Amino acid sequence: MIKRLLILTSPLLLAACVTDREANSLSDSAAEGRAFAQANCASCHAVDDGASPHPNAPSLRRAANRLPEWAVEGSFERGIQVGHTMEMPTFVFEDDDIANLLAYFETLREKE
């Protein structure tokens, strides 16, 4: 009975370990940036990979690899909509939002 239980639960335990490792692989700043992106960008952009909800919006991974970090940072700081149509909302970033988004974008660049 115990052997059967172990056989049935082993895949679940393995999946939980892999999921935890993925979730913990982001720095605190990058995790905050991902959470900001999920809350503010995911209605148009795929936050990681895959198809974006808006047909003309690239995934954030693709967007992160389009421009150098300094150009993205400058765009965020000025609230300029680089590469976007007027559909892109203008954000007023607070506290560490820009640094956190840049940290998250850096993790997306690393995986490319």
C-alpha atoms as a PDB file:
ATOM      1  CA  MET A   1       0.000   0.000   0.000  1.00  0.00           C
ATOM      2  CA  ILE A   2       2.752   2.466   0.898  1.00  0.00           C
ATOM      3  CA  LYS A   3       4.673   1.559  -2.243  1.00  0.00           C
ATOM      4  CA  ARG A   4       1.585   2.297  -4.378  1.00  0.00           C
ATOM      5  CA  LEU A   5       1.070   5.607  -2.567  1.00  0.00           C
ATOM      6  CA  LEU A   6       4.698   6.608  -3.189  1.00  0.00           C
ATOM      7  CA  ILE A   7       4.413   5.704  -6.849  1.00  0.00           C
ATOM      8  CA  LEU A   8       1.273   7.804  -7.215  1.00  0.00           C
ATOM      9  CA  THR A   9       2.560  10.832  -5.293  1.00  0.00           C
ATOM     10  CA  SER A  10       6.135  10.944  -6.625  1.00  0.00           C
ATOM     11  CA  PRO A  11       5.251  12.843  -9.823  1.00  0.00           C
ATOM     12  CA  LEU A  12       3.341  15.423  -7.784  1.00  0.00           C
ATOM     13  CA  LEU A  13       6.235  15.912  -5.388  1.00  0.00           C
ATOM     14  CA  LEU A  14       8.683  16.236  -8.264  1.00  0.00           C
ATOM     15  CA  ALA A  15       6.484  18.794  -9.995  1.00  0.00           C
ATOM     16  CA  ALA A  16       6.218  20.806  -6.779  1.00  0.00           C
ATOM     17  CA  CYS A  17      10.001  20.905  -6.439  1.00  0.00           C
ATOM     18  CA  VAL A  18      10.471  22.083 -10.016  1.00  0.00           C
ATOM     19  CA  THR A  19       7.774  24.724  -9.627  1.00  0.00           C
ATOM     20  CA  ASP A  20       9.292  26.039  -6.392  1.00  0.00           C
ATOM     21  CA  ARG A  21      12.727  26.237  -7.998  1.00  0.00           C
ATOM     22  CA  GLU A  22      11.308  28.228 -10.921  1.00  0.00           C
ATOM     23  CA  ALA A  23       9.451  30.612  -8.619  1.00  0.00           C
ATOM     24  CA  ASN A  24      12.492  31.128  -6.419  1.00  0.00           C
ATOM     25  CA  SER A  25      14.927  31.644  -9.290  1.00  0.00           C
ATOM     26  CA  LEU A  26      13.978  35.327  -9.628  1.00  0.00           C
ATOM     27  CA  SER A  27      15.589  37.939  -7.437  1.00  0.00           C
ATOM     28  CA  ASP A  28      13.228  39.904  -5.216  1.00  0.00           C
ATOM     29  CA  SER A  29      13.446  42.866  -7.599  1.00  0.00           C
ATOM     30  CA  ALA A  30      12.764  40.738 -10.686  1.00  0.00           C
ATOM     31  CA  ALA A  31       9.847  39.028  -8.919  1.00  0.00           C
ATOM     32  CA  GLU A  32       8.394  42.455  -8.100  1.00  0.00           C
ATOM     33  CA  GLY A  33       8.873  43.461 -11.741  1.00  0.00           C
ATOM     34  CA  ARG A  34       7.110  40.314 -12.935  1.00  0.00           C
ATOM     35  CA  ALA A  35       4.232  40.997 -10.530  1.00  0.00           C
ATOM     36  CA  PHE A  36       3.980  44.577 -11.846  1.00  0.00           C
ATOM     37  CA  ALA A  37       3.978  43.282 -15.420  1.00  0.00           C
ATOM     38  CA  GLN A  38       1.317  40.712 -14.570  1.00  0.00           C
ATOM     39  CA  ALA A  39      -0.877  43.406 -13.013  1.00  0.00           C
ATOM     40  CA  ASN A  40      -0.310  46.142 -15.616  1.00  0.00           C
ATOM     41  CA  CYS A  41       0.912  44.619 -18.882  1.00  0.00           C
ATOM     42  CA  ALA A  42      -0.647  41.155 -19.159  1.00  0.00           C
ATOM     43  CA  SER A  43      -3.908  42.413 -20.640  1.00  0.00           C
ATOM     44  CA  CYS A  44      -1.974  43.008 -23.887  1.00  0.00           C
ATOM     45  CA  HIS A  45       1.436  41.305 -23.553  1.00  0.00           C
ATOM     46  CA  ALA A  46       2.318  37.709 -22.756  1.00  0.00           C
ATOM     47  CA  VAL A  47       4.264  38.131 -19.525  1.00  0.00           C
ATOM     48  CA  ASP A  48       6.788  35.413 -20.314  1.00  0.00           C
ATOM     49  CA  ASP A  49       6.353  33.475 -23.538  1.00  0.00           C
ATOM     50  CA  GLY A  50       3.494  32.529 -25.756  1.00  0.00           C
ATOM     51  CA  ALA A  51       0.862  34.441 -27.615  1.00  0.00           C
ATOM     52  CA  SER A  52      -0.068  37.860 -26.322  1.00  0.00           C
ATOM     53  CA  PRO A  53      -3.752  38.668 -25.741  1.00  0.00           C
ATOM     54  CA  HIS A  54      -3.415  41.683 -28.057  1.00  0.00           C
ATOM     55  CA  PRO A  55      -2.428  40.499 -31.560  1.00  0.00           C
ATOM     56  CA  ASN A  56       0.007  43.398 -32.135  1.00  0.00           C
ATOM     57  CA  ALA A  57       1.668  43.230 -28.716  1.00  0.00           C
ATOM     58  CA  PRO A  58       4.888  41.202 -28.451  1.00  0.00           C
ATOM     59  CA  SER A  59       5.577  39.008 -25.466  1.00  0.00           C
ATOM     60  CA  LEU A  60       7.616  40.788 -22.813  1.00  0.00           C
ATOM     61  CA  ARG A  61      10.495  38.423 -23.581  1.00  0.00           C
ATOM     62  CA  ARG A  62      10.505  39.632 -27.172  1.00  0.00           C
ATOM     63  CA  ALA A  63      10.102  43.259 -26.078  1.00  0.00           C
ATOM     64  CA  ALA A  64      12.991  42.894 -23.625  1.00  0.00           C
ATOM     65  CA  ASN A  65      15.243  41.753 -26.447  1.00  0.00           C
ATOM     66  CA  ARG A  66      14.275  44.480 -28.935  1.00  0.00           C
ATOM     67  CA  LEU A  67      16.033  47.448 -27.333  1.00  0.00           C
ATOM     68  CA  PRO A  68      19.063  47.866 -25.090  1.00  0.00           C
ATOM     69  CA  GLU A  69      18.376  48.283 -21.389  1.00  0.00           C
ATOM     70  CA  TRP A  70      19.316  51.977 -21.373  1.00  0.00           C
ATOM     71  CA  ALA A  71      16.705  52.736 -24.038  1.00  0.00           C
ATOM     72  CA  VAL A  72      13.990  50.842 -22.175  1.00  0.00           C
ATOM     73  CA  GLU A  73      14.935  52.551 -18.917  1.00  0.00           C
ATOM     74  CA  GLY A  74      14.812  55.985 -20.546  1.00  0.00           C
ATOM     75  CA  SER A  75      11.420  55.208 -22.035  1.00  0.00           C
ATOM     76  CA  PHE A  76      10.051  54.153 -18.668  1.00  0.00           C
ATOM     77  CA  GLU A  77      11.497  57.214 -16.943  1.00  0.00           C
ATOM     78  CA  ARG A  78       9.928  59.622 -19.438  1.00  0.00           C
ATOM     79  CA  GLY A  79       6.706  57.673 -19.858  1.00  0.00           C
ATOM     80  CA  ILE A  80       7.310  57.546 -23.612  1.00  0.00           C
ATOM     81  CA  GLN A  81       5.593  54.814 -25.570  1.00  0.00           C
ATOM     82  CA  VAL A  82       8.499  53.538 -27.648  1.00  0.00           C
ATOM     83  CA  GLY A  83       7.276  51.129 -30.279  1.00  0.00           C
ATOM     84  CA  HIS A  84       3.642  51.421 -29.247  1.00  0.00           C
ATOM     85  CA  THR A  85       0.524  52.784 -30.796  1.00  0.00           C
ATOM     86  CA  MET A  86      -1.741  55.144 -28.921  1.00  0.00           C
ATOM     87  CA  GLU A  87      -3.387  52.041 -27.448  1.00  0.00           C
ATOM     88  CA  MET A  88      -0.493  51.749 -25.011  1.00  0.00           C
ATOM     89  CA  PRO A  89      -1.427  53.385 -21.709  1.00  0.00           C
ATOM     90  CA  THR A  90       1.014  55.802 -20.104  1.00  0.00           C
ATOM     91  CA  PHE A  91       2.110  54.672 -16.666  1.00  0.00           C
ATOM     92  CA  VAL A  92       3.242  56.750 -13.749  1.00  0.00           C
ATOM     93  CA  PHE A  93       5.800  54.533 -12.094  1.00  0.00           C
ATOM     94  CA  GLU A  94       6.227  54.586  -8.340  1.00  0.00           C
ATOM     95  CA  ASP A  95       9.225  53.913  -6.115  1.00  0.00           C
ATOM     96  CA  ASP A  96      11.196  50.978  -7.542  1.00  0.00           C
ATOM     97  CA  ASP A  97       8.817  50.003 -10.378  1.00  0.00           C
ATOM     98  CA  ILE A  98      11.305  50.856 -13.138  1.00  0.00           C
ATOM     99  CA  ALA A  99      14.234  49.101 -11.453  1.00  0.00           C
ATOM    100  CA  ASN A 100      12.052  46.058 -10.787  1.00  0.00           C
ATOM    101  CA  LEU A 101      10.804  45.911 -14.384  1.00  0.00           C
ATOM    102  CA  LEU A 102      14.358  46.238 -15.676  1.00  0.00           C
ATOM    103  CA  ALA A 103      15.447  43.403 -13.366  1.00  0.00           C
ATOM    104  CA  TYR A 104      12.622  41.253 -14.723  1.00  0.00           C
ATOM    105  CA  PHE A 105      13.452  42.188 -18.326  1.00  0.00           C
ATOM    106  CA  GLU A 106      17.060  41.147 -17.641  1.00  0.00           C
ATOM    107  CA  THR A 107      15.888  37.658 -16.676  1.00  0.00           C
ATOM    108  CA  LEU A 108      13.938  37.510 -19.929  1.00  0.00           C
ATOM    109  CA  ARG A 109      17.063  38.499 -21.882  1.00  0.00           C
ATOM    110  CA  GLU A 110      19.104  35.788 -20.178  1.00  0.00           C
ATOM    111  CA  LYS A 111      16.708  33.079 -21.340  1.00  0.00           C
ATOM    112  CA  GLU A 112      16.685  34.183 -24.970  1.00  0.00           C
END
